[in-house]
Protein backbone atom coordinates (compact mmCIF):
# COMPACT_ATOMS: atom_id res chain seq x y z
CA UNK A 1 3.67 -62.98 109.70
CA UNK A 2 6.13 -64.71 112.03
CA UNK A 3 5.07 -65.27 115.62
CA UNK A 4 7.31 -63.36 118.00
CA UNK A 5 5.44 -63.64 121.30
CA UNK A 6 4.57 -66.69 123.44
CA UNK A 7 1.06 -65.92 124.63
CA UNK A 8 0.70 -68.90 126.98
CA UNK A 9 4.03 -68.20 128.67
CA UNK A 10 3.04 -64.57 129.17
CA UNK A 11 -0.27 -65.50 130.82
CA UNK A 12 1.49 -67.90 133.17
CA UNK A 13 4.26 -65.46 134.13
CA UNK A 14 1.95 -62.48 134.52
CA UNK A 15 -0.59 -64.28 136.72
CA UNK A 16 2.19 -65.61 138.97
CA UNK A 17 3.73 -62.14 139.27
CA UNK A 18 0.40 -60.62 140.33
CA UNK A 19 -0.15 -63.38 142.94
CA UNK A 20 3.29 -62.66 144.38
CA UNK A 21 2.44 -58.97 144.62
CA UNK A 22 -0.84 -59.76 146.45
CA UNK A 23 1.14 -61.84 148.96
CA UNK A 24 3.72 -59.05 149.34
CA UNK A 25 1.00 -56.75 150.68
CA UNK A 26 -0.60 -59.18 153.07
CA UNK A 27 -3.43 -60.44 150.91
CA UNK A 28 -4.94 -57.39 149.22
CA UNK A 29 -3.80 -55.47 146.15
CA UNK A 30 -5.22 -52.53 144.20
CA UNK A 31 -3.97 -53.06 140.66
CA UNK A 32 -4.13 -50.04 138.36
CA UNK A 33 -4.75 -51.52 134.94
CA UNK A 34 -3.61 -49.25 132.13
CA UNK A 35 -4.16 -49.74 128.43
CA UNK A 36 -6.96 -51.69 126.82
CA UNK A 37 -7.86 -54.77 128.80
CA UNK A 38 -9.71 -57.05 126.42
CA UNK A 39 -9.26 -55.48 122.98
CA UNK A 40 -5.61 -54.47 122.97
CA UNK A 41 -5.06 -54.43 119.23
CA UNK A 42 -1.95 -52.27 119.55
CA UNK A 43 -0.24 -54.97 121.61
CA UNK A 44 -1.35 -57.68 119.17
CA UNK A 45 0.13 -55.71 116.26
CA UNK A 46 3.53 -54.99 117.83
CA UNK A 47 3.87 -58.35 119.62
CA UNK A 48 2.75 -60.89 116.97
CA UNK A 49 1.29 -63.80 118.90
CA UNK A 50 -0.27 -61.60 121.58
CA UNK A 51 -4.04 -61.93 121.36
CA UNK A 52 -6.24 -58.81 121.79
CA UNK A 53 -7.91 -60.37 124.85
CA UNK A 54 -4.73 -61.85 126.35
CA UNK A 55 -4.80 -59.64 129.46
CA UNK A 56 -8.39 -60.63 130.13
CA UNK A 57 -7.52 -64.30 129.67
CA UNK A 58 -4.68 -63.85 132.14
CA UNK A 59 -7.07 -62.32 134.67
CA UNK A 60 -9.47 -65.24 134.16
CA UNK A 61 -6.93 -67.43 135.95
CA UNK A 62 -7.40 -65.04 138.90
CA UNK A 63 -11.15 -64.52 138.48
CA UNK A 64 -12.17 -66.08 141.81
CA UNK A 65 -9.80 -63.70 143.63
CA UNK A 66 -10.57 -60.58 141.59
CA UNK A 67 -13.18 -57.88 141.35
CA UNK A 68 -13.36 -55.03 138.88
CA UNK A 69 -13.73 -51.33 139.71
CA UNK A 70 -14.33 -49.10 136.70
CA UNK A 71 -13.35 -45.43 136.85
CA UNK A 72 -14.64 -42.64 134.64
CA UNK A 73 -13.85 -38.93 134.79
CA UNK A 74 -16.95 -36.74 135.22
CA UNK A 75 -15.40 -34.18 132.87
CA UNK A 76 -15.14 -36.83 130.13
CA UNK A 77 -18.85 -37.59 130.58
CA UNK A 78 -19.67 -33.90 130.40
CA UNK A 79 -17.81 -33.28 127.14
CA UNK A 80 -18.86 -36.60 125.52
CA UNK A 81 -15.28 -37.75 125.11
CA UNK A 82 -14.97 -40.31 122.31
CA UNK A 83 -12.89 -43.47 122.30
CA UNK A 84 -11.22 -43.07 118.92
CA UNK A 85 -10.81 -46.72 117.97
CA UNK A 86 -14.46 -47.56 118.62
CA UNK A 87 -16.19 -44.25 117.91
CA UNK A 88 -18.29 -44.34 121.10
CA UNK A 89 -18.33 -42.08 124.14
CA UNK A 90 -16.50 -43.03 127.34
CA UNK A 91 -19.74 -43.50 129.28
CA UNK A 92 -21.11 -45.90 126.64
CA UNK A 93 -17.77 -47.71 126.56
CA UNK A 94 -17.89 -48.11 130.34
CA UNK A 95 -21.20 -49.97 130.00
CA UNK A 96 -19.69 -52.04 127.20
CA UNK A 97 -16.82 -52.94 129.56
CA UNK A 98 -19.28 -53.99 132.27
CA UNK A 99 -20.98 -56.35 129.81
CA UNK A 100 -17.64 -57.68 128.59
CA UNK A 101 -16.39 -58.42 132.11
CA UNK A 102 -19.58 -59.97 133.40
CA UNK A 103 -19.91 -61.99 130.19
CA UNK A 104 -16.51 -63.54 130.93
CA UNK A 105 -17.44 -64.40 134.49
CA UNK A 106 -15.85 -61.46 136.33
CA UNK A 107 -17.41 -59.69 139.28
CA UNK A 108 -17.82 -55.98 138.57
CA UNK A 109 -18.06 -54.56 142.06
CA UNK A 110 -18.61 -50.88 141.38
CA UNK A 111 -18.11 -47.80 139.25
CA UNK A 112 -16.42 -44.65 140.52
CA UNK A 113 -17.04 -41.24 138.97
CA UNK A 114 -13.88 -39.20 139.52
CA UNK A 115 -13.35 -35.42 139.47
CA UNK A 116 -17.02 -34.98 140.38
CA UNK A 117 -18.20 -31.35 140.68
CA UNK A 118 -21.97 -31.74 140.31
CA UNK A 119 -21.71 -31.94 136.52
CA UNK A 120 -25.28 -32.40 135.17
CA UNK A 121 -24.37 -35.10 132.65
CA UNK A 122 -22.46 -37.00 135.33
CA UNK A 123 -25.54 -36.86 137.57
CA UNK A 124 -27.68 -38.24 134.74
CA UNK A 125 -25.19 -40.99 134.07
CA UNK A 126 -25.13 -41.95 137.75
CA UNK A 127 -28.93 -42.14 137.73
CA UNK A 128 -28.67 -44.41 134.71
CA UNK A 129 -26.22 -46.65 136.56
CA UNK A 130 -28.63 -46.89 139.50
CA UNK A 131 -31.48 -47.80 137.16
CA UNK A 132 -29.30 -50.55 135.69
CA UNK A 133 -28.57 -51.90 139.17
CA UNK A 134 -24.90 -50.86 139.20
CA UNK A 135 -23.31 -49.43 142.35
CA UNK A 136 -21.50 -46.14 141.89
CA UNK A 137 -19.33 -43.90 144.05
CA UNK A 138 -18.07 -40.33 143.81
CA UNK A 139 -14.51 -39.06 144.10
CA UNK A 140 -13.87 -35.34 144.21
CA UNK A 141 -11.17 -32.91 143.05
CA UNK A 142 -8.59 -32.19 145.76
CA UNK A 143 -7.12 -28.72 146.05
CA UNK A 144 -3.36 -28.75 145.53
CA UNK A 145 -3.34 -32.15 143.81
CA UNK A 146 -0.88 -33.78 143.31
CA UNK A 147 1.76 -31.84 145.25
CA UNK A 148 0.07 -30.85 148.51
CA UNK A 149 0.68 -34.21 150.19
CA UNK A 150 -0.52 -33.12 153.63
CA UNK A 151 -3.91 -32.10 152.27
CA UNK A 152 -4.27 -35.00 149.79
CA UNK A 153 -3.46 -37.74 152.33
CA UNK A 154 -5.93 -36.51 154.95
CA UNK A 155 -9.60 -36.56 155.85
CA UNK A 156 -10.26 -33.52 153.65
CA UNK A 157 -8.42 -35.12 150.70
CA UNK A 158 -8.74 -38.85 150.06
CA UNK A 159 -10.80 -39.13 153.22
CA UNK A 160 -13.58 -37.02 151.66
CA UNK A 161 -14.06 -39.49 148.80
CA UNK A 162 -16.71 -42.18 148.92
CA UNK A 163 -15.21 -45.40 150.26
CA UNK A 164 -15.64 -48.21 147.76
CA UNK A 165 -16.62 -51.44 149.48
CA UNK A 166 -14.46 -54.27 148.11
CA UNK A 167 -14.47 -57.92 149.12
CA UNK A 168 -11.76 -59.72 147.15
CA UNK A 169 -7.94 -59.87 147.40
CA UNK A 170 -7.32 -58.43 143.92
CA UNK A 171 -9.10 -55.19 143.02
CA UNK A 172 -8.51 -54.36 139.36
CA UNK A 173 -9.07 -50.66 138.70
CA UNK A 174 -9.50 -49.94 135.01
CA UNK A 175 -11.23 -47.40 132.77
CA UNK A 176 -12.35 -46.62 129.22
CA UNK A 177 -9.21 -44.58 128.56
CA UNK A 178 -6.41 -42.42 129.99
CA UNK A 179 -7.10 -39.58 132.40
CA UNK A 180 -9.96 -41.42 134.09
CA UNK A 181 -8.46 -41.32 137.60
CA UNK A 182 -7.31 -44.93 138.05
CA UNK A 183 -4.22 -44.16 140.13
CA UNK A 184 -6.04 -41.66 142.33
CA UNK A 185 -8.81 -44.22 142.91
CA UNK A 186 -6.25 -46.83 144.00
CA UNK A 187 -4.47 -44.43 146.38
CA UNK A 188 -7.74 -43.14 147.80
CA UNK A 189 -8.76 -46.72 148.59
CA UNK A 190 -5.34 -47.45 150.05
CA UNK A 191 -5.68 -44.49 152.39
CA UNK A 192 -9.21 -45.35 153.47
CA UNK A 193 -8.36 -49.03 153.95
CA UNK A 194 -5.41 -48.04 156.13
CA UNK A 195 -7.65 -45.76 158.20
CA UNK A 196 -9.92 -48.78 158.76
CA UNK A 197 -7.05 -51.05 159.77
CA UNK A 198 -7.08 -53.01 156.50
CA UNK A 199 -3.69 -54.01 155.08
CA UNK A 200 -3.46 -53.42 151.33
CA UNK A 201 -1.01 -52.43 148.61
CA UNK A 202 -0.85 -50.82 145.20
CA UNK A 203 0.77 -51.85 141.92
CA UNK A 204 0.54 -50.83 138.29
CA UNK A 205 -0.05 -52.96 135.21
CA UNK A 206 0.95 -51.08 132.07
CA UNK A 207 2.19 -53.13 129.12
CA UNK A 208 4.12 -50.32 127.42
CA UNK A 209 6.82 -49.21 127.39
CA UNK A 210 8.38 -52.60 128.11
CA UNK A 211 10.81 -51.93 130.93
CA UNK A 212 13.39 -54.62 130.09
CA UNK A 213 13.70 -53.82 126.37
CA UNK A 214 16.19 -51.17 125.17
CA UNK A 215 15.03 -47.58 125.06
CA UNK A 216 15.30 -47.49 121.25
CA UNK A 217 13.68 -50.89 120.66
CA UNK A 218 10.94 -50.58 117.99
CA UNK A 219 8.29 -51.82 120.45
CA UNK A 220 9.03 -48.91 122.76
CA UNK A 221 9.24 -46.47 119.84
CA UNK A 222 5.83 -47.74 118.67
CA UNK A 223 4.43 -46.93 122.12
CA UNK A 224 5.63 -43.33 121.75
CA UNK A 225 3.97 -43.16 118.32
CA UNK A 226 0.72 -44.56 119.74
CA UNK A 227 0.62 -41.96 122.51
CA UNK A 228 1.89 -39.03 120.49
CA UNK A 229 -1.22 -37.03 121.41
CA UNK A 230 -0.36 -37.42 125.12
CA UNK A 231 3.24 -36.25 124.66
CA UNK A 232 4.50 -39.42 126.31
CA UNK A 233 8.25 -39.85 125.97
CA UNK A 234 10.19 -42.96 126.94
CA UNK A 235 13.19 -42.49 129.20
CA UNK A 236 15.62 -44.42 131.36
CA UNK A 237 14.16 -44.67 134.87
CA UNK A 238 16.66 -42.61 136.92
CA UNK A 239 15.27 -43.79 140.26
CA UNK A 240 15.73 -47.46 139.35
CA UNK A 241 19.22 -46.81 138.05
CA UNK A 242 20.18 -45.04 141.27
CA UNK A 243 18.60 -47.62 143.58
CA UNK A 244 19.74 -50.80 141.83
CA UNK A 245 22.33 -49.85 139.21
CA UNK A 246 20.13 -51.38 136.51
CA UNK A 247 18.97 -49.51 133.41
CA UNK A 248 15.22 -49.86 132.76
CA UNK A 249 12.71 -48.01 130.59
CA UNK A 250 9.70 -46.06 131.77
CA UNK A 251 7.90 -42.99 130.48
CA UNK A 252 8.02 -39.34 131.41
CA UNK A 253 4.69 -39.02 133.25
CA UNK A 254 5.41 -41.92 135.63
CA UNK A 255 8.97 -40.71 136.20
CA UNK A 256 7.86 -37.14 136.88
CA UNK A 257 5.12 -38.13 139.32
CA UNK A 258 7.10 -40.82 141.17
CA UNK A 259 8.56 -38.58 143.93
CA UNK A 260 5.02 -37.38 144.69
CA UNK A 261 3.62 -40.91 144.60
CA UNK A 262 6.42 -42.20 146.83
CA UNK A 263 5.70 -39.43 149.34
CA UNK A 264 2.00 -40.35 149.32
CA UNK A 265 2.78 -44.03 149.94
CA UNK A 266 5.12 -43.06 152.79
CA UNK A 267 2.39 -40.89 154.29
CA UNK A 268 -0.23 -43.64 153.99
CA UNK A 269 1.83 -46.75 154.83
CA UNK A 270 4.70 -45.31 156.87
CA UNK A 271 7.22 -46.26 154.20
CA UNK A 272 7.15 -46.73 150.45
CA UNK A 273 7.44 -50.30 149.16
CA UNK A 274 8.90 -48.96 145.91
CA UNK A 275 12.16 -47.24 145.07
CA UNK A 276 11.27 -46.50 141.44
CA UNK A 277 8.33 -46.36 139.04
CA UNK A 278 9.66 -49.56 137.45
CA UNK A 279 9.31 -51.23 140.87
CA UNK A 280 5.58 -50.50 140.82
CA UNK A 281 5.00 -52.40 137.59
CA UNK A 282 3.89 -55.99 137.16
CA UNK A 283 4.73 -56.34 133.48
CA UNK A 284 6.24 -59.59 132.20
CA UNK A 285 5.65 -58.96 128.48
CA UNK A 286 9.36 -58.64 127.69
CA UNK A 287 10.00 -62.12 129.09
CA UNK A 288 7.55 -63.69 126.62
CA UNK A 289 9.22 -62.42 123.42
CA UNK A 290 10.54 -65.49 121.57
CA UNK A 291 11.54 -63.91 118.21
CA UNK A 292 12.97 -60.44 118.58
CA UNK A 293 13.31 -59.99 114.83
CA UNK A 294 9.62 -60.67 114.22
CA UNK A 295 8.66 -58.26 117.00
CA UNK A 296 10.96 -55.53 115.67
CA UNK A 297 9.48 -55.81 112.17
CA UNK A 298 5.90 -55.72 113.47
CA UNK A 299 6.61 -52.72 115.70
CA UNK A 300 8.26 -50.78 112.87
CA UNK A 301 5.16 -51.32 110.74
CA UNK A 302 3.02 -49.98 113.57
CA UNK A 303 5.08 -46.80 113.73
CA UNK A 304 4.47 -46.24 110.01
CA UNK A 305 0.74 -46.91 110.39
CA UNK A 306 0.60 -44.35 113.20
CA UNK A 307 2.29 -41.83 110.93
CA UNK A 308 -0.32 -42.28 108.20
CA UNK A 309 -3.14 -42.15 110.77
CA UNK A 310 -1.88 -38.87 112.22
CA UNK A 311 -1.56 -37.33 108.75
CA UNK A 312 -5.04 -38.57 107.81
CA UNK A 313 -6.56 -37.15 111.00
CA UNK A 314 -5.02 -33.74 110.34
CA UNK A 315 -6.33 -33.79 106.76
CA UNK A 316 -9.83 -34.83 107.85
CA UNK A 317 -10.20 -32.16 110.51
CA UNK A 318 -8.25 -29.39 108.80
CA UNK A 319 -6.76 -28.57 112.17
CA UNK A 320 -3.03 -27.83 112.35
CA UNK A 321 -1.24 -30.78 113.85
CA UNK A 322 2.39 -31.62 114.49
CA UNK A 323 1.70 -35.25 115.42
CA UNK A 324 2.68 -36.62 112.00
CA UNK A 325 5.90 -34.57 112.10
CA UNK A 326 6.72 -35.95 115.55
CA UNK A 327 6.18 -39.52 114.34
CA UNK A 328 8.42 -38.78 111.33
CA UNK A 329 11.19 -38.08 113.83
CA UNK A 330 10.46 -41.41 115.53
CA UNK A 331 10.66 -43.11 112.12
CA UNK A 332 14.09 -41.58 111.58
CA UNK A 333 15.09 -42.81 115.02
CA UNK A 334 13.99 -46.31 114.02
CA UNK A 335 15.70 -45.93 110.58
CA UNK A 336 12.50 -46.59 108.63
CA UNK A 337 10.35 -44.55 106.25
CA UNK A 338 6.81 -44.38 104.90
CA UNK A 339 7.59 -46.95 102.17
CA UNK A 340 8.28 -49.73 104.69
CA UNK A 341 5.20 -51.78 103.77
CA UNK A 342 4.99 -53.20 100.21
CA UNK A 343 1.26 -52.46 100.00
CA UNK A 344 1.92 -48.73 99.77
CA UNK A 345 4.01 -48.84 96.61
CA UNK A 346 1.55 -51.25 94.99
CA UNK A 347 -1.47 -49.07 95.85
CA UNK A 348 0.15 -45.89 94.53
CA UNK A 349 1.27 -47.62 91.34
CA UNK A 350 -2.24 -48.96 90.69
CA UNK A 351 -3.75 -45.53 91.31
CA UNK A 352 -1.27 -43.95 88.90
CA UNK A 353 -2.09 -46.53 86.21
CA UNK A 354 -5.89 -46.19 86.54
CA UNK A 355 -6.09 -42.50 87.51
CA UNK A 356 -8.59 -43.52 90.18
CA UNK A 357 -8.40 -44.42 93.86
CA UNK A 358 -6.81 -47.80 94.46
CA UNK A 359 -5.49 -49.98 97.25
CA UNK A 360 -3.38 -53.01 98.00
CA UNK A 361 -3.13 -55.66 100.70
CA UNK A 362 -0.15 -57.81 101.67
CA UNK A 363 -1.27 -61.39 102.33
CA UNK A 364 0.27 -63.60 104.96
CA UNK A 365 2.36 -65.44 102.37
CA UNK A 366 3.87 -62.16 101.12
CA UNK A 367 1.77 -61.75 97.98
CA UNK A 368 0.53 -58.21 97.38
CA UNK A 369 -2.98 -57.99 95.90
CA UNK A 370 -4.30 -54.74 94.45
CA UNK A 371 -7.73 -53.35 93.67
CA UNK A 372 -9.04 -50.25 91.92
CA UNK A 373 -12.18 -48.17 91.86
CA UNK A 374 -14.47 -49.50 89.09
CA UNK A 375 -17.99 -48.89 87.92
CA UNK A 376 -19.19 -51.52 90.41
CA UNK A 377 -16.77 -51.47 93.36
CA UNK A 378 -15.00 -48.83 95.42
CA UNK A 379 -11.30 -49.27 96.13
CA UNK A 380 -11.75 -50.91 99.55
CA UNK A 381 -14.41 -53.34 98.29
CA UNK A 382 -12.26 -54.19 95.28
CA UNK A 383 -9.14 -54.91 97.34
CA UNK A 384 -11.12 -57.01 99.80
CA UNK A 385 -12.80 -59.09 97.08
CA UNK A 386 -9.57 -59.63 95.15
CA UNK A 387 -7.75 -60.69 98.32
CA UNK A 388 -10.46 -63.21 99.19
CA UNK A 389 -10.31 -64.64 95.66
CA UNK A 390 -6.52 -64.86 95.85
CA UNK A 391 -6.68 -66.71 99.15
CA UNK A 392 -9.24 -69.13 97.69
CA UNK A 393 -7.23 -69.70 94.51
CA UNK A 394 -9.92 -68.17 92.29
CA UNK A 395 -8.72 -66.57 89.05
CA UNK A 396 -8.83 -62.78 89.07
CA UNK A 397 -11.08 -62.60 85.99
CA UNK A 398 -13.67 -64.97 87.49
CA UNK A 399 -16.90 -63.23 88.53
CA UNK A 400 -18.18 -64.46 91.88
CA UNK A 401 -21.03 -61.99 92.48
CA UNK A 402 -24.26 -62.66 90.59
CA UNK A 403 -26.41 -59.97 89.01
CA UNK A 404 -29.36 -61.42 90.89
CA UNK A 405 -27.61 -60.64 94.20
CA UNK A 406 -26.54 -57.19 93.05
CA UNK A 407 -29.86 -55.93 91.73
CA UNK A 408 -31.80 -55.56 95.04
CA UNK A 409 -28.76 -54.07 96.82
CA UNK A 410 -28.20 -51.46 94.11
CA UNK A 411 -31.90 -50.64 94.00
CA UNK A 412 -32.05 -50.16 97.75
CA UNK A 413 -28.93 -47.99 97.98
CA UNK A 414 -29.73 -45.87 94.91
CA UNK A 415 -33.51 -45.55 94.86
CA UNK A 416 -34.39 -45.82 98.56
CA UNK A 417 -31.32 -44.66 100.50
CA UNK A 418 -30.27 -42.14 97.86
CA UNK A 419 -26.52 -42.84 97.86
CA UNK A 420 -24.76 -40.54 95.43
CA UNK A 421 -21.77 -42.82 94.76
CA UNK A 422 -22.51 -45.78 92.47
CA UNK A 423 -19.72 -48.05 93.72
CA UNK A 424 -20.43 -50.70 96.33
CA UNK A 425 -18.93 -50.32 99.79
CA UNK A 426 -17.10 -53.30 101.35
CA UNK A 427 -20.10 -54.28 103.48
CA UNK A 428 -22.45 -54.14 100.49
CA UNK A 429 -20.00 -56.24 98.49
CA UNK A 430 -19.84 -58.84 101.26
CA UNK A 431 -23.64 -59.01 101.43
CA UNK A 432 -23.83 -59.50 97.66
CA UNK A 433 -21.11 -62.15 97.81
CA UNK A 434 -22.93 -63.95 100.63
CA UNK A 435 -26.15 -63.95 98.63
CA UNK A 436 -24.29 -65.33 95.62
CA UNK A 437 -22.73 -68.12 97.69
CA UNK A 438 -26.01 -70.04 97.91
CA UNK A 439 -25.65 -70.99 94.22
CA UNK A 440 -21.99 -70.31 93.48
CA UNK A 441 -19.35 -72.55 95.13
CA UNK A 442 -16.56 -70.12 94.24
CA UNK A 443 -18.35 -67.29 96.05
CA UNK A 444 -18.70 -69.62 99.03
CA UNK A 445 -14.98 -70.46 98.88
CA UNK A 446 -14.07 -66.76 98.82
CA UNK A 447 -16.12 -66.11 101.97
CA UNK A 448 -14.52 -69.08 103.73
CA UNK A 449 -11.11 -67.42 103.30
CA UNK A 450 -12.16 -63.98 104.61
CA UNK A 451 -10.84 -64.58 108.12
CA UNK A 452 -7.38 -65.30 106.71
CA UNK A 453 -7.05 -61.57 105.99
CA UNK A 454 -6.99 -60.72 109.70
CA UNK A 455 -3.61 -59.24 110.62
CA UNK A 456 -2.75 -58.30 107.03
CA UNK A 457 -1.55 -54.79 106.12
CA UNK A 458 -3.48 -52.76 103.54
CA UNK A 459 -2.86 -49.31 102.10
CA UNK A 460 -4.99 -47.00 99.97
CA UNK A 461 -4.13 -44.11 97.67
CA UNK A 462 -6.74 -41.84 99.28
CA UNK A 463 -8.69 -41.46 102.52
CA UNK A 464 -11.41 -44.06 102.96
CA UNK A 465 -14.92 -43.28 104.22
CA UNK A 466 -15.06 -43.92 107.97
CA UNK A 467 -17.61 -46.68 107.38
CA UNK A 468 -15.11 -48.56 105.22
CA UNK A 469 -12.27 -48.01 107.72
CA UNK A 470 -14.44 -49.40 110.50
CA UNK A 471 -15.31 -52.55 108.54
CA UNK A 472 -11.67 -53.25 107.71
CA UNK A 473 -10.81 -52.73 111.38
CA UNK A 474 -13.57 -55.17 112.37
CA UNK A 475 -12.07 -57.75 110.00
CA UNK A 476 -8.69 -57.27 111.68
CA UNK A 477 -7.08 -55.70 108.61
CA UNK A 478 -4.48 -53.04 109.42
CA UNK A 479 -5.45 -50.33 106.94
CA UNK A 480 -3.61 -47.07 106.28
CA UNK A 481 -4.00 -44.46 103.57
CA UNK A 482 -2.50 -41.39 101.96
CA UNK A 483 -3.59 -38.09 103.50
CA UNK A 484 -5.65 -36.95 100.52
CA UNK A 485 -9.27 -37.23 99.49
CA UNK A 486 -10.44 -38.97 96.33
CA UNK A 487 -12.76 -36.09 95.39
CA UNK A 488 -12.70 -32.30 95.59
CA UNK A 489 -16.01 -32.09 97.44
CA UNK A 490 -16.21 -30.01 100.62
CA UNK A 491 -18.08 -32.70 102.56
CA UNK A 492 -16.21 -35.99 102.92
CA UNK A 493 -17.65 -39.15 104.42
């Protein structure tokens, strides 16, 4: 659990770099903000010390100069696209983002619905935005995009889009997820500003891959594993190497589209301010790494977690998938395997001994605590309770949950809700433990140590119910599991 990343230094460097880029373009910058802005758990896992809301905290130092434009693809609204880590649709996540930004003191200027073709669900969502008092704009598909530069950079291309009224020097364009049209929104605004005589520029903020780390650095390999479904592949930026003689890392989609983007910028501005996709970036993350060994270890663990997640997803859906196989190749590239984390061996050994589902968690001090399915607790609840007791120094055989706390919970879940599994889920266990803490100081001590499990790695011998996975994720526990179910039933929770 070594810290490998200086969060304060990163915030300082990143904010200064963005201010310099605003000045470079005469006082106005459209900043395409990729990745997750205020809950970037991937970055916090691979860069230990990076906080999930670090990028938002960095922007807070620029809050008086910044406004937020949120983009969402009309096609994603129409097909109810889900954000996998939160389990909510993109349109609901967009509203969540509005609340998150405004709650932190940011000005959310507008929402742009991209790729609009009169989709009925997009129309209903826009009506909802109006009812909520949020300004929205429409951007349309452009024939020949992205290669027909003459058409795109014209009145019938970008010029046909709604012009988003902006008032501040820094316009942060972000979205619920990839494919939302952030870059096109920035370039459309750049074109329409230029037509109105307004000087402005464009830059891109994408944390990964980290351009000044080696191509085969575990942090960059972890990025490939995280975006395996997008077929992103890291590569040396050939344009940067040719222009400056310096080897930097970018990814295939940015490299492939750069000649087109450069031609668009030349058409809009007269000349391109950038000679490479690396030039476009404003990413100082690599300069804030203070312990490369700690970062490498954390990133390798993330690659393994992504492997288990891909295998689990394929098992859950029954759909053929080569994502796990692709990540296996990345693991070989990084010279690691599925047994990297001690919790896996401990969980499998406990399951073999008990012939029931089991799990294990590696605490911050290196201890590995196991738990098994019992008559009272499921595997996840057992591991969680045992880990809390271990952190509090409570003997394993000590009971900390009272029968008085258990009785109403069991009666509710069995007699009223009709659950067909007798074991308590993690949430039910925590409720029972909380109820017990009013009379039992050891139960209270266990709860006081719950937050110390955030950032710990856990592994289970079988697939967890989604409800249990979500709770562990909420607690900040990095959980993975074997790609097999604990029962032979056709329906799995």
